[in-house]
Amino acid sequence: MSSFSSLTYCNLFKNKCFIMGLFLSRNLASNFLYPFLFSKKFPVDLFPKQLENMMCLVSSRTGRHLQRYDKGHRLVVGCIPYRYKSNGSQDKEIEVLVISAQKGQGMQFPKGGWEIDESMEQAALRETVEEAGVVGKVESKLGKWFYKSKSQAIMHEGYMFPLLVKKQLDNWPEMNFRKRRWMTVPEAKEICPHTWMKEALDVLVSRQTQPQPKL
């Protein structure tokens, strides 16, 4: 066999291994990791370390072949991860977690495309795990916003949810190219360039200041 043929077969083998690894990674996430997180019976504050270590091996979803659209608008979902500053008391000030954008300046909340094989809440949690590396309880929707795509002449339809963080992971899928940072609400509004995300944050803050029903 010529050296050229050997090199060709070697490259083909490497490509097949890469594709198989990506396939297994996506299937591992879709069939095991994310259903585990979505389960209402799963106590996220007891997230197993072994499962956490596997998260960094999971590839973030890419491509648009499963993307949902409505009247030409790409459907986008995301979360505002938050926590209470003192002892989890709902009478205390909240902090929110922001992440660096892959393109452009500033910090933002985790978000991404809503795909056809998941519910809106599942998509919001998946994007938050992939981009920010936190898990917790997805709460009721904050609202719907329309905003213009930065790369295309189309409009996106965005939905945001609050996520009360129960655990922050040391390993997560996009840990090598995203920074994350906890900050106060005023700091987040100052650093986030997206008006629609800042409006969603205002809705979350408004909910926190409303009187809690007595049990």
N, C-alpha and C. Protein backbone atom coordinates (compact mmCIF):
# COMPACT_ATOMS: atom_id res chain seq x y z
N MET A 1 0.86 -1.19 0.00
CA MET A 1 0.00 0.00 0.00
C MET A 1 0.89 1.24 0.00
N SER A 2 0.63 2.21 -0.87
CA SER A 2 1.46 3.40 -0.97
C SER A 2 1.31 4.26 0.27
N SER A 3 2.31 5.15 0.49
CA SER A 3 2.25 6.05 1.65
C SER A 3 1.07 6.99 1.53
N PHE A 4 0.72 7.39 0.28
CA PHE A 4 -0.43 8.26 0.07
C PHE A 4 -1.71 7.57 0.53
N SER A 5 -1.87 6.32 0.14
CA SER A 5 -3.07 5.57 0.52
C SER A 5 -3.13 5.37 2.03
N SER A 6 -2.00 5.11 2.64
CA SER A 6 -1.96 4.92 4.09
C SER A 6 -2.38 6.19 4.81
N LEU A 7 -1.88 7.32 4.34
CA LEU A 7 -2.24 8.60 4.94
C LEU A 7 -3.72 8.90 4.76
N THR A 8 -4.24 8.55 3.57
CA THR A 8 -5.66 8.79 3.30
C THR A 8 -6.54 7.98 4.23
N TYR A 9 -6.22 6.70 4.38
CA TYR A 9 -7.00 5.84 5.26
C TYR A 9 -6.87 6.29 6.72
N CYS A 10 -5.70 6.76 7.08
CA CYS A 10 -5.49 7.25 8.45
C CYS A 10 -6.38 8.45 8.72
N ASN A 11 -6.44 9.37 7.77
CA ASN A 11 -7.28 10.56 7.94
C ASN A 11 -8.76 10.20 7.97
N LEU A 12 -9.15 9.25 7.12
CA LEU A 12 -10.54 8.82 7.13
C LEU A 12 -10.91 8.21 8.47
N PHE A 13 -10.00 7.41 9.01
CA PHE A 13 -10.25 6.77 10.30
C PHE A 13 -10.40 7.83 11.40
N LYS A 14 -9.54 8.86 11.38
CA LYS A 14 -9.61 9.94 12.37
C LYS A 14 -10.94 10.68 12.26
N ASN A 15 -11.36 10.94 11.02
CA ASN A 15 -12.62 11.65 10.82
C ASN A 15 -13.81 10.84 11.33
N LYS A 16 -13.76 9.52 11.06
CA LYS A 16 -14.83 8.65 11.54
C LYS A 16 -14.86 8.62 13.06
N CYS A 17 -13.69 8.59 13.68
CA CYS A 17 -13.62 8.59 15.14
C CYS A 17 -14.19 9.88 15.71
N PHE A 18 -13.88 11.00 15.04
CA PHE A 18 -14.39 12.29 15.50
C PHE A 18 -15.91 12.33 15.40
N ILE A 19 -16.43 11.89 14.24
CA ILE A 19 -17.88 11.90 14.03
C ILE A 19 -18.57 10.97 15.02
N MET A 20 -17.99 9.79 15.25
CA MET A 20 -18.56 8.85 16.21
C MET A 20 -18.55 9.44 17.61
N GLY A 21 -17.45 10.11 17.96
CA GLY A 21 -17.37 10.74 19.28
C GLY A 21 -18.42 11.82 19.44
N LEU A 22 -18.61 12.62 18.40
CA LEU A 22 -19.63 13.66 18.45
C LEU A 22 -21.02 13.06 18.56
N PHE A 23 -21.25 11.98 17.78
CA PHE A 23 -22.55 11.30 17.83
C PHE A 23 -22.83 10.76 19.22
N LEU A 24 -21.83 10.09 19.81
CA LEU A 24 -22.01 9.54 21.15
C LEU A 24 -22.20 10.65 22.17
N SER A 25 -21.48 11.75 21.99
CA SER A 25 -21.60 12.87 22.92
C SER A 25 -23.01 13.45 22.88
N ARG A 26 -23.54 13.66 21.66
CA ARG A 26 -24.89 14.21 21.54
C ARG A 26 -25.92 13.24 22.09
N ASN A 27 -25.75 11.93 21.80
CA ASN A 27 -26.70 10.95 22.30
C ASN A 27 -26.61 10.79 23.81
N LEU A 28 -25.40 10.87 24.35
CA LEU A 28 -25.23 10.81 25.79
C LEU A 28 -25.99 11.94 26.45
N ALA A 29 -25.87 13.14 25.89
CA ALA A 29 -26.56 14.29 26.47
C ALA A 29 -28.07 14.16 26.32
N SER A 30 -28.52 13.82 25.10
CA SER A 30 -29.96 13.79 24.81
C SER A 30 -30.68 12.66 25.54
N ASN A 31 -30.01 11.51 25.65
CA ASN A 31 -30.68 10.32 26.18
C ASN A 31 -30.45 10.08 27.66
N PHE A 32 -29.45 10.76 28.25
CA PHE A 32 -29.15 10.48 29.65
C PHE A 32 -28.98 11.75 30.49
N LEU A 33 -28.00 12.59 30.11
CA LEU A 33 -27.66 13.71 30.97
C LEU A 33 -28.81 14.71 31.13
N TYR A 34 -29.37 15.19 30.00
CA TYR A 34 -30.41 16.20 30.11
C TYR A 34 -31.72 15.65 30.66
N PRO A 35 -32.17 14.45 30.26
CA PRO A 35 -33.36 13.90 30.93
C PRO A 35 -33.16 13.75 32.43
N PHE A 36 -31.94 13.45 32.86
CA PHE A 36 -31.64 13.36 34.29
C PHE A 36 -31.85 14.72 34.96
N LEU A 37 -31.41 15.78 34.30
CA LEU A 37 -31.57 17.12 34.85
C LEU A 37 -33.02 17.57 34.83
N PHE A 38 -33.78 17.17 33.79
CA PHE A 38 -35.15 17.62 33.65
C PHE A 38 -36.10 16.91 34.61
N SER A 39 -35.67 15.79 35.15
CA SER A 39 -36.54 15.01 36.03
C SER A 39 -36.89 15.81 37.27
N LYS A 40 -38.18 15.90 37.59
CA LYS A 40 -38.62 16.62 38.78
C LYS A 40 -38.21 15.89 40.05
N LYS A 41 -37.87 14.61 39.93
CA LYS A 41 -37.46 13.84 41.10
C LYS A 41 -35.97 14.02 41.42
N PHE A 42 -35.26 14.69 40.52
CA PHE A 42 -33.81 14.81 40.68
C PHE A 42 -33.47 16.00 41.57
N PRO A 43 -32.82 15.79 42.72
CA PRO A 43 -32.39 16.90 43.58
C PRO A 43 -31.10 17.51 43.05
N VAL A 44 -31.20 18.64 42.34
CA VAL A 44 -30.04 19.19 41.67
C VAL A 44 -28.95 19.63 42.63
N ASP A 45 -29.30 19.87 43.89
CA ASP A 45 -28.28 20.25 44.85
C ASP A 45 -27.39 19.06 45.23
N LEU A 46 -27.81 17.84 44.82
CA LEU A 46 -27.02 16.64 45.07
C LEU A 46 -26.45 16.10 43.76
N PHE A 47 -26.12 17.00 42.83
CA PHE A 47 -25.60 16.64 41.51
C PHE A 47 -24.34 15.79 41.67
N PRO A 48 -24.33 14.53 41.19
CA PRO A 48 -23.18 13.65 41.39
C PRO A 48 -21.92 14.20 40.74
N LYS A 49 -20.79 14.08 41.42
CA LYS A 49 -19.53 14.59 40.88
C LYS A 49 -19.15 13.87 39.60
N GLN A 50 -19.45 12.56 39.53
CA GLN A 50 -19.11 11.81 38.32
C GLN A 50 -19.88 12.36 37.12
N LEU A 51 -21.15 12.72 37.33
CA LEU A 51 -21.94 13.27 36.24
C LEU A 51 -21.44 14.65 35.86
N GLU A 52 -21.04 15.43 36.87
CA GLU A 52 -20.49 16.75 36.59
C GLU A 52 -19.23 16.65 35.73
N ASN A 53 -18.38 15.68 36.03
CA ASN A 53 -17.16 15.52 35.27
C ASN A 53 -17.43 15.13 33.82
N MET A 54 -18.58 14.46 33.58
CA MET A 54 -18.94 14.08 32.22
C MET A 54 -19.44 15.27 31.42
N MET A 55 -19.91 16.33 32.09
CA MET A 55 -20.50 17.45 31.38
C MET A 55 -19.52 18.12 30.43
N CYS A 56 -18.24 18.20 30.82
CA CYS A 56 -17.26 18.86 29.96
C CYS A 56 -16.98 18.07 28.69
N LEU A 57 -17.40 16.78 28.64
CA LEU A 57 -17.20 15.95 27.46
C LEU A 57 -18.37 16.07 26.49
N VAL A 58 -19.45 16.71 26.91
CA VAL A 58 -20.64 16.83 26.08
C VAL A 58 -20.51 18.02 25.15
N SER A 59 -20.71 17.81 23.87
CA SER A 59 -20.66 18.90 22.90
C SER A 59 -21.95 19.70 22.95
N SER A 60 -21.82 21.03 22.91
CA SER A 60 -23.00 21.87 22.80
C SER A 60 -23.69 21.61 21.47
N ARG A 61 -24.99 21.74 21.45
CA ARG A 61 -25.72 21.52 20.21
C ARG A 61 -25.36 22.60 19.19
N THR A 62 -25.13 22.17 17.96
CA THR A 62 -24.80 23.10 16.88
C THR A 62 -25.68 22.80 15.69
N GLY A 63 -25.72 23.74 14.75
CA GLY A 63 -26.53 23.54 13.55
C GLY A 63 -27.97 24.01 13.75
N ARG A 64 -28.68 24.13 12.64
CA ARG A 64 -30.05 24.65 12.68
C ARG A 64 -31.07 23.64 12.16
N HIS A 65 -30.66 22.36 11.96
CA HIS A 65 -31.58 21.40 11.35
C HIS A 65 -32.74 21.04 12.27
N LEU A 66 -32.62 21.25 13.59
CA LEU A 66 -33.71 20.97 14.54
C LEU A 66 -34.35 22.25 15.06
N GLN A 67 -33.91 23.39 14.54
CA GLN A 67 -34.35 24.68 15.04
C GLN A 67 -35.84 24.94 14.78
N ARG A 68 -36.51 25.50 15.76
CA ARG A 68 -37.92 25.89 15.59
C ARG A 68 -38.00 27.32 15.03
N TYR A 69 -39.00 27.53 14.14
CA TYR A 69 -39.29 28.85 13.59
C TYR A 69 -40.79 29.07 13.66
N ASP A 70 -41.17 30.33 13.74
CA ASP A 70 -42.58 30.70 13.71
C ASP A 70 -42.74 31.93 12.85
N LYS A 71 -43.39 31.78 11.70
CA LYS A 71 -43.59 32.87 10.75
C LYS A 71 -42.27 33.53 10.36
N GLY A 72 -41.25 32.69 10.19
CA GLY A 72 -39.95 33.18 9.77
C GLY A 72 -39.05 33.64 10.90
N HIS A 73 -39.58 33.68 12.12
CA HIS A 73 -38.79 34.12 13.27
C HIS A 73 -38.13 32.90 13.92
N ARG A 74 -36.84 32.97 14.14
CA ARG A 74 -36.16 31.92 14.89
C ARG A 74 -36.56 32.02 16.35
N LEU A 75 -36.93 30.89 16.97
CA LEU A 75 -37.36 30.88 18.35
C LEU A 75 -36.16 30.63 19.26
N VAL A 76 -35.94 31.57 20.17
CA VAL A 76 -34.78 31.54 21.07
C VAL A 76 -35.27 31.54 22.51
N VAL A 77 -34.64 30.73 23.34
CA VAL A 77 -35.00 30.67 24.76
C VAL A 77 -33.74 30.79 25.61
N GLY A 78 -33.92 31.30 26.82
CA GLY A 78 -32.78 31.43 27.71
C GLY A 78 -33.23 31.58 29.15
N CYS A 79 -32.25 31.69 30.02
CA CYS A 79 -32.52 31.82 31.45
C CYS A 79 -31.75 32.99 32.04
N ILE A 80 -32.30 33.54 33.11
CA ILE A 80 -31.55 34.44 33.97
C ILE A 80 -31.24 33.64 35.23
N PRO A 81 -30.02 33.11 35.36
CA PRO A 81 -29.66 32.37 36.57
C PRO A 81 -29.51 33.36 37.74
N TYR A 82 -30.11 33.03 38.88
CA TYR A 82 -30.02 33.95 40.01
C TYR A 82 -29.91 33.17 41.31
N ARG A 83 -29.49 33.87 42.35
CA ARG A 83 -29.41 33.30 43.70
C ARG A 83 -29.62 34.43 44.69
N TYR A 84 -29.99 34.08 45.92
CA TYR A 84 -30.15 35.06 46.98
C TYR A 84 -28.81 35.28 47.66
N LYS A 85 -28.51 36.51 47.99
CA LYS A 85 -27.19 36.85 48.50
C LYS A 85 -26.92 36.30 49.90
N SER A 86 -28.01 36.12 50.70
CA SER A 86 -27.81 35.69 52.09
C SER A 86 -28.75 34.57 52.46
N ASN A 87 -28.20 33.37 52.62
CA ASN A 87 -28.92 32.24 53.22
C ASN A 87 -30.18 31.83 52.47
N GLY A 88 -30.29 32.18 51.22
CA GLY A 88 -31.45 31.75 50.45
C GLY A 88 -32.74 32.42 50.84
N SER A 89 -32.69 33.46 51.64
CA SER A 89 -33.92 34.12 52.09
C SER A 89 -34.52 34.95 50.96
N GLN A 90 -35.80 34.86 50.79
CA GLN A 90 -36.47 35.61 49.74
C GLN A 90 -36.66 37.08 50.11
N ASP A 91 -36.21 37.49 51.29
CA ASP A 91 -36.26 38.89 51.68
C ASP A 91 -34.95 39.59 51.32
N LYS A 92 -33.99 38.86 50.77
CA LYS A 92 -32.67 39.40 50.49
C LYS A 92 -32.52 39.74 49.01
N GLU A 93 -31.50 40.54 48.73
CA GLU A 93 -31.18 40.95 47.37
C GLU A 93 -30.69 39.76 46.56
N ILE A 94 -30.98 39.77 45.26
CA ILE A 94 -30.52 38.69 44.40
C ILE A 94 -29.26 39.09 43.64
N GLU A 95 -28.50 38.08 43.24
CA GLU A 95 -27.39 38.23 42.31
C GLU A 95 -27.73 37.41 41.07
N VAL A 96 -27.23 37.84 39.93
CA VAL A 96 -27.48 37.13 38.68
C VAL A 96 -26.16 36.73 38.05
N LEU A 97 -26.20 35.64 37.29
CA LEU A 97 -25.00 35.12 36.64
C LEU A 97 -25.02 35.50 35.17
N VAL A 98 -23.95 36.17 34.72
CA VAL A 98 -23.83 36.52 33.31
C VAL A 98 -22.63 35.79 32.72
N ILE A 99 -22.64 35.66 31.40
CA ILE A 99 -21.57 34.95 30.70
C ILE A 99 -21.06 35.82 29.56
N SER A 100 -19.83 35.55 29.14
CA SER A 100 -19.27 36.29 28.02
C SER A 100 -19.89 35.80 26.72
N ALA A 101 -20.04 36.72 25.78
CA ALA A 101 -20.57 36.38 24.47
C ALA A 101 -19.46 35.75 23.62
N GLN A 102 -19.83 34.82 22.75
CA GLN A 102 -18.84 34.22 21.85
C GLN A 102 -18.35 35.24 20.83
N LYS A 103 -19.25 36.14 20.43
CA LYS A 103 -18.90 37.18 19.48
C LYS A 103 -19.36 38.52 20.05
N GLY A 104 -18.57 39.53 19.85
CA GLY A 104 -18.96 40.86 20.33
C GLY A 104 -18.49 41.12 21.74
N GLN A 105 -18.92 42.25 22.26
CA GLN A 105 -18.48 42.72 23.56
C GLN A 105 -19.58 42.53 24.60
N GLY A 106 -19.21 42.74 25.85
CA GLY A 106 -20.18 42.70 26.93
C GLY A 106 -20.47 41.30 27.43
N MET A 107 -21.36 41.25 28.39
CA MET A 107 -21.79 39.99 29.00
C MET A 107 -23.30 39.87 28.79
N GLN A 108 -23.80 38.65 28.87
CA GLN A 108 -25.22 38.42 28.63
C GLN A 108 -25.68 37.21 29.43
N PHE A 109 -26.97 36.92 29.31
CA PHE A 109 -27.51 35.73 29.94
C PHE A 109 -27.50 34.57 28.93
N PRO A 110 -27.41 33.34 29.42
CA PRO A 110 -27.37 32.20 28.50
C PRO A 110 -28.67 32.06 27.70
N LYS A 111 -28.53 31.81 26.41
CA LYS A 111 -29.71 31.63 25.55
C LYS A 111 -29.27 30.95 24.27
N GLY A 112 -30.25 30.39 23.56
CA GLY A 112 -29.96 29.72 22.30
C GLY A 112 -31.23 29.24 21.64
N GLY A 113 -31.08 28.52 20.56
CA GLY A 113 -32.24 28.08 19.79
C GLY A 113 -33.06 27.01 20.47
N TRP A 114 -34.38 27.14 20.34
CA TRP A 114 -35.33 26.13 20.84
C TRP A 114 -35.51 25.09 19.74
N GLU A 115 -35.23 23.83 20.06
CA GLU A 115 -35.26 22.79 19.04
C GLU A 115 -36.50 21.90 19.17
N ILE A 116 -36.79 21.17 18.10
CA ILE A 116 -38.08 20.48 17.99
C ILE A 116 -38.21 19.26 18.89
N ASP A 117 -37.09 18.78 19.44
CA ASP A 117 -37.15 17.57 20.27
C ASP A 117 -37.16 17.88 21.76
N GLU A 118 -37.52 19.11 22.14
CA GLU A 118 -37.51 19.50 23.55
C GLU A 118 -38.59 20.54 23.82
N SER A 119 -39.00 20.60 25.08
CA SER A 119 -39.94 21.65 25.48
C SER A 119 -39.19 22.96 25.63
N MET A 120 -39.93 24.05 25.76
CA MET A 120 -39.29 25.36 25.90
C MET A 120 -38.44 25.42 27.18
N GLU A 121 -38.99 24.86 28.27
CA GLU A 121 -38.25 24.86 29.54
C GLU A 121 -36.99 24.00 29.47
N GLN A 122 -37.09 22.87 28.77
CA GLN A 122 -35.93 21.99 28.61
C GLN A 122 -34.84 22.69 27.80
N ALA A 123 -35.24 23.41 26.76
CA ALA A 123 -34.27 24.14 25.95
C ALA A 123 -33.58 25.22 26.77
N ALA A 124 -34.36 25.92 27.60
CA ALA A 124 -33.79 26.98 28.43
C ALA A 124 -32.77 26.42 29.41
N LEU A 125 -33.09 25.29 30.04
CA LEU A 125 -32.17 24.67 30.98
C LEU A 125 -30.94 24.12 30.26
N ARG A 126 -31.14 23.49 29.10
CA ARG A 126 -30.01 22.96 28.34
C ARG A 126 -29.02 24.06 27.98
N GLU A 127 -29.52 25.18 27.46
CA GLU A 127 -28.64 26.28 27.09
C GLU A 127 -27.89 26.82 28.31
N THR A 128 -28.56 26.85 29.44
CA THR A 128 -27.93 27.37 30.66
C THR A 128 -26.83 26.44 31.15
N VAL A 129 -27.08 25.13 31.09
CA VAL A 129 -26.05 24.17 31.47
C VAL A 129 -24.87 24.25 30.52
N GLU A 130 -25.14 24.29 29.21
CA GLU A 130 -24.07 24.29 28.22
C GLU A 130 -23.21 25.55 28.32
N GLU A 131 -23.86 26.71 28.45
CA GLU A 131 -23.13 27.97 28.37
C GLU A 131 -22.63 28.48 29.71
N ALA A 132 -23.42 28.29 30.77
CA ALA A 132 -23.08 28.89 32.08
C ALA A 132 -22.65 27.86 33.12
N GLY A 133 -22.96 26.59 32.92
CA GLY A 133 -22.53 25.57 33.85
C GLY A 133 -23.21 25.64 35.21
N VAL A 134 -24.49 25.94 35.21
CA VAL A 134 -25.26 25.91 36.45
C VAL A 134 -26.55 25.12 36.22
N VAL A 135 -27.05 24.52 37.29
CA VAL A 135 -28.32 23.79 37.24
C VAL A 135 -29.20 24.30 38.37
N GLY A 136 -30.50 24.12 38.19
CA GLY A 136 -31.43 24.59 39.21
C GLY A 136 -32.86 24.46 38.73
N LYS A 137 -33.72 25.24 39.31
CA LYS A 137 -35.15 25.17 39.02
C LYS A 137 -35.53 26.24 38.02
N VAL A 138 -36.08 25.82 36.87
CA VAL A 138 -36.61 26.75 35.88
C VAL A 138 -38.00 27.19 36.34
N GLU A 139 -38.17 28.49 36.53
CA GLU A 139 -39.44 29.02 37.02
C GLU A 139 -40.28 29.55 35.87
N SER A 140 -41.41 30.13 36.18
CA SER A 140 -42.37 30.52 35.14
C SER A 140 -41.81 31.62 34.23
N LYS A 141 -42.23 31.58 33.00
CA LYS A 141 -41.70 32.44 31.93
C LYS A 141 -41.81 33.92 32.27
N LEU A 142 -40.77 34.67 31.93
CA LEU A 142 -40.75 36.11 32.20
C LEU A 142 -41.45 36.90 31.10
N GLY A 143 -41.48 36.36 29.90
CA GLY A 143 -42.14 37.07 28.81
C GLY A 143 -41.57 36.71 27.45
N LYS A 144 -42.04 37.44 26.44
CA LYS A 144 -41.63 37.22 25.06
C LYS A 144 -41.18 38.54 24.46
N TRP A 145 -40.07 38.49 23.73
CA TRP A 145 -39.53 39.69 23.11
C TRP A 145 -39.15 39.40 21.66
N PHE A 146 -39.22 40.43 20.82
CA PHE A 146 -38.73 40.33 19.45
C PHE A 146 -37.48 41.21 19.32
N TYR A 147 -36.45 40.65 18.71
CA TYR A 147 -35.23 41.43 18.52
C TYR A 147 -34.56 41.02 17.21
N LYS A 148 -33.78 41.93 16.65
CA LYS A 148 -33.16 41.72 15.35
C LYS A 148 -31.88 40.91 15.49
N SER A 149 -31.69 39.97 14.58
CA SER A 149 -30.46 39.19 14.53
C SER A 149 -29.29 40.10 14.18
N LYS A 150 -28.14 39.86 14.84
CA LYS A 150 -26.95 40.65 14.55
C LYS A 150 -26.29 40.23 13.24
N SER A 151 -26.49 38.99 12.83
CA SER A 151 -25.79 38.48 11.65
C SER A 151 -26.67 38.37 10.41
N GLN A 152 -28.00 38.40 10.59
CA GLN A 152 -28.90 38.25 9.45
C GLN A 152 -30.02 39.28 9.55
N ALA A 153 -30.64 39.55 8.41
CA ALA A 153 -31.73 40.52 8.37
C ALA A 153 -33.06 39.85 8.72
N ILE A 154 -33.10 39.19 9.87
CA ILE A 154 -34.33 38.54 10.33
C ILE A 154 -34.55 38.89 11.79
N MET A 155 -35.78 38.64 12.24
CA MET A 155 -36.12 38.88 13.62
C MET A 155 -36.14 37.57 14.40
N HIS A 156 -35.72 37.61 15.63
CA HIS A 156 -35.81 36.47 16.53
C HIS A 156 -36.95 36.71 17.52
N GLU A 157 -37.54 35.61 17.95
CA GLU A 157 -38.58 35.65 18.98
C GLU A 157 -37.99 35.01 20.24
N GLY A 158 -37.74 35.82 21.25
CA GLY A 158 -37.02 35.36 22.43
C GLY A 158 -37.89 35.21 23.66
N TYR A 159 -37.66 34.13 24.39
CA TYR A 159 -38.37 33.87 25.65
C TYR A 159 -37.32 33.70 26.75
N MET A 160 -37.58 34.29 27.91
CA MET A 160 -36.65 34.17 29.03
C MET A 160 -37.35 33.62 30.26
N PHE A 161 -36.59 32.81 31.02
CA PHE A 161 -37.08 32.19 32.25
C PHE A 161 -36.11 32.52 33.39
N PRO A 162 -36.61 32.64 34.61
CA PRO A 162 -35.69 32.69 35.74
C PRO A 162 -35.23 31.27 36.07
N LEU A 163 -34.00 31.13 36.52
CA LEU A 163 -33.50 29.84 36.99
C LEU A 163 -32.86 30.06 38.35
N LEU A 164 -33.49 29.53 39.39
CA LEU A 164 -32.94 29.61 40.74
C LEU A 164 -31.84 28.57 40.85
N VAL A 165 -30.60 29.03 40.93
CA VAL A 165 -29.44 28.14 40.87
C VAL A 165 -29.32 27.33 42.15
N LYS A 166 -29.19 26.03 41.98
CA LYS A 166 -28.97 25.11 43.10
C LYS A 166 -27.53 24.62 43.16
N LYS A 167 -26.87 24.59 41.99
CA LYS A 167 -25.48 24.12 41.97
C LYS A 167 -24.73 24.74 40.81
N GLN A 168 -23.51 25.15 41.08
CA GLN A 168 -22.62 25.67 40.06
C GLN A 168 -21.56 24.62 39.77
N LEU A 169 -21.48 24.20 38.51
CA LEU A 169 -20.58 23.12 38.12
C LEU A 169 -19.17 23.63 37.87
N ASP A 170 -18.19 22.81 38.19
CA ASP A 170 -16.80 23.14 37.89
C ASP A 170 -16.46 22.81 36.44
N ASN A 171 -17.19 21.84 35.88
CA ASN A 171 -16.98 21.42 34.49
C ASN A 171 -18.29 21.56 33.73
N TRP A 172 -18.22 22.17 32.54
CA TRP A 172 -19.43 22.28 31.72
C TRP A 172 -19.00 22.41 30.25
N PRO A 173 -19.91 22.17 29.30
CA PRO A 173 -19.52 22.04 27.89
C PRO A 173 -18.75 23.22 27.31
N GLU A 174 -19.10 24.46 27.65
CA GLU A 174 -18.45 25.61 27.03
C GLU A 174 -17.48 26.32 27.97
N MET A 175 -16.93 25.58 28.91
CA MET A 175 -16.05 26.16 29.92
C MET A 175 -14.76 26.73 29.34
N ASN A 176 -14.35 26.23 28.18
CA ASN A 176 -13.07 26.67 27.61
C ASN A 176 -13.16 27.97 26.82
N PHE A 177 -14.36 28.42 26.49
CA PHE A 177 -14.45 29.67 25.74
C PHE A 177 -15.55 30.60 26.22
N ARG A 178 -15.98 30.44 27.46
CA ARG A 178 -16.90 31.41 28.06
C ARG A 178 -16.45 31.71 29.50
N LYS A 179 -16.54 32.96 29.87
CA LYS A 179 -16.33 33.36 31.25
C LYS A 179 -17.69 33.57 31.89
N ARG A 180 -17.78 33.38 33.19
CA ARG A 180 -19.03 33.62 33.90
C ARG A 180 -18.74 34.44 35.15
N ARG A 181 -19.73 35.19 35.56
CA ARG A 181 -19.50 36.08 36.70
C ARG A 181 -20.82 36.41 37.38
N TRP A 182 -20.83 36.28 38.71
CA TRP A 182 -21.98 36.71 39.50
C TRP A 182 -21.88 38.22 39.73
N MET A 183 -23.00 38.91 39.63
CA MET A 183 -23.01 40.35 39.86
C MET A 183 -24.38 40.82 40.32
N THR A 184 -24.42 42.04 40.78
CA THR A 184 -25.69 42.62 41.23
C THR A 184 -26.55 42.96 40.02
N VAL A 185 -27.82 43.21 40.25
CA VAL A 185 -28.72 43.57 39.16
C VAL A 185 -28.26 44.85 38.46
N PRO A 186 -27.94 45.94 39.19
CA PRO A 186 -27.45 47.14 38.49
C PRO A 186 -26.20 46.89 37.66
N GLU A 187 -25.28 46.07 38.16
CA GLU A 187 -24.07 45.75 37.40
C GLU A 187 -24.42 44.99 36.12
N ALA A 188 -25.36 44.05 36.21
CA ALA A 188 -25.75 43.27 35.03
C ALA A 188 -26.41 44.17 33.98
N LYS A 189 -27.24 45.09 34.42
CA LYS A 189 -27.91 45.98 33.47
C LYS A 189 -26.92 46.93 32.81
N GLU A 190 -25.86 47.23 33.51
CA GLU A 190 -24.83 48.12 32.96
C GLU A 190 -23.99 47.41 31.90
N ILE A 191 -23.68 46.14 32.13
CA ILE A 191 -22.73 45.43 31.26
C ILE A 191 -23.41 44.69 30.11
N CYS A 192 -24.70 44.39 30.24
CA CYS A 192 -25.41 43.64 29.18
C CYS A 192 -25.83 44.59 28.06
N PRO A 193 -25.48 44.29 26.81
CA PRO A 193 -25.81 45.19 25.70
C PRO A 193 -27.21 44.98 25.11
N HIS A 194 -27.93 43.96 25.58
CA HIS A 194 -29.20 43.59 24.94
C HIS A 194 -30.39 44.16 25.71
N THR A 195 -31.13 45.03 25.07
CA THR A 195 -32.27 45.68 25.72
C THR A 195 -33.31 44.67 26.17
N TRP A 196 -33.57 43.66 25.35
CA TRP A 196 -34.62 42.70 25.68
C TRP A 196 -34.24 41.87 26.91
N MET A 197 -32.96 41.57 27.08
CA MET A 197 -32.53 40.84 28.27
C MET A 197 -32.65 41.71 29.52
N LYS A 198 -32.35 43.00 29.39
CA LYS A 198 -32.47 43.91 30.53
C LYS A 198 -33.93 44.09 30.93
N GLU A 199 -34.82 44.08 29.95
CA GLU A 199 -36.25 44.15 30.25
C GLU A 199 -36.71 42.88 30.97
N ALA A 200 -36.19 41.72 30.55
CA ALA A 200 -36.52 40.47 31.24
C ALA A 200 -36.02 40.51 32.68
N LEU A 201 -34.85 41.07 32.89
CA LEU A 201 -34.31 41.20 34.24
C LEU A 201 -35.19 42.11 35.09
N ASP A 202 -35.72 43.16 34.51
CA ASP A 202 -36.64 44.04 35.24
C ASP A 202 -37.89 43.28 35.70
N VAL A 203 -38.38 42.38 34.84
CA VAL A 203 -39.55 41.58 35.21
C VAL A 203 -39.21 40.67 36.39
N LEU A 204 -38.04 40.06 36.36
CA LEU A 204 -37.61 39.19 37.46
C LEU A 204 -37.51 39.97 38.76
N VAL A 205 -36.89 41.14 38.72
CA VAL A 205 -36.76 41.96 39.92
C VAL A 205 -38.12 42.36 40.45
N SER A 206 -39.03 42.70 39.54
CA SER A 206 -40.39 43.06 39.95
C SER A 206 -41.08 41.92 40.68
N ARG A 207 -40.87 40.70 40.21
CA ARG A 207 -41.45 39.53 40.88
C ARG A 207 -40.88 39.37 42.29
N GLN A 208 -39.58 39.63 42.43
CA GLN A 208 -38.95 39.45 43.73
C GLN A 208 -39.45 40.45 44.76
N THR A 209 -39.87 41.62 44.32
CA THR A 209 -40.32 42.65 45.25
C THR A 209 -41.80 42.55 45.58
N GLN A 210 -42.52 41.68 44.87
CA GLN A 210 -43.93 41.50 45.16
C GLN A 210 -44.11 40.73 46.47
N PRO A 211 -45.14 41.05 47.27
CA PRO A 211 -45.38 40.33 48.52
C PRO A 211 -45.60 38.85 48.27
N GLN A 212 -44.97 38.01 49.08
CA GLN A 212 -45.12 36.56 48.94
C GLN A 212 -46.40 36.10 49.61
N PRO A 213 -47.17 35.20 48.96
CA PRO A 213 -48.41 34.71 49.59
C PRO A 213 -48.13 33.95 50.86
N LYS A 214 -48.96 34.14 51.84
CA LYS A 214 -48.80 33.42 53.11
C LYS A 214 -49.33 32.01 52.98
N LEU A 215 -48.59 31.07 53.53
CA LEU A 215 -48.98 29.66 53.47
C LEU A 215 -49.91 29.31 54.62
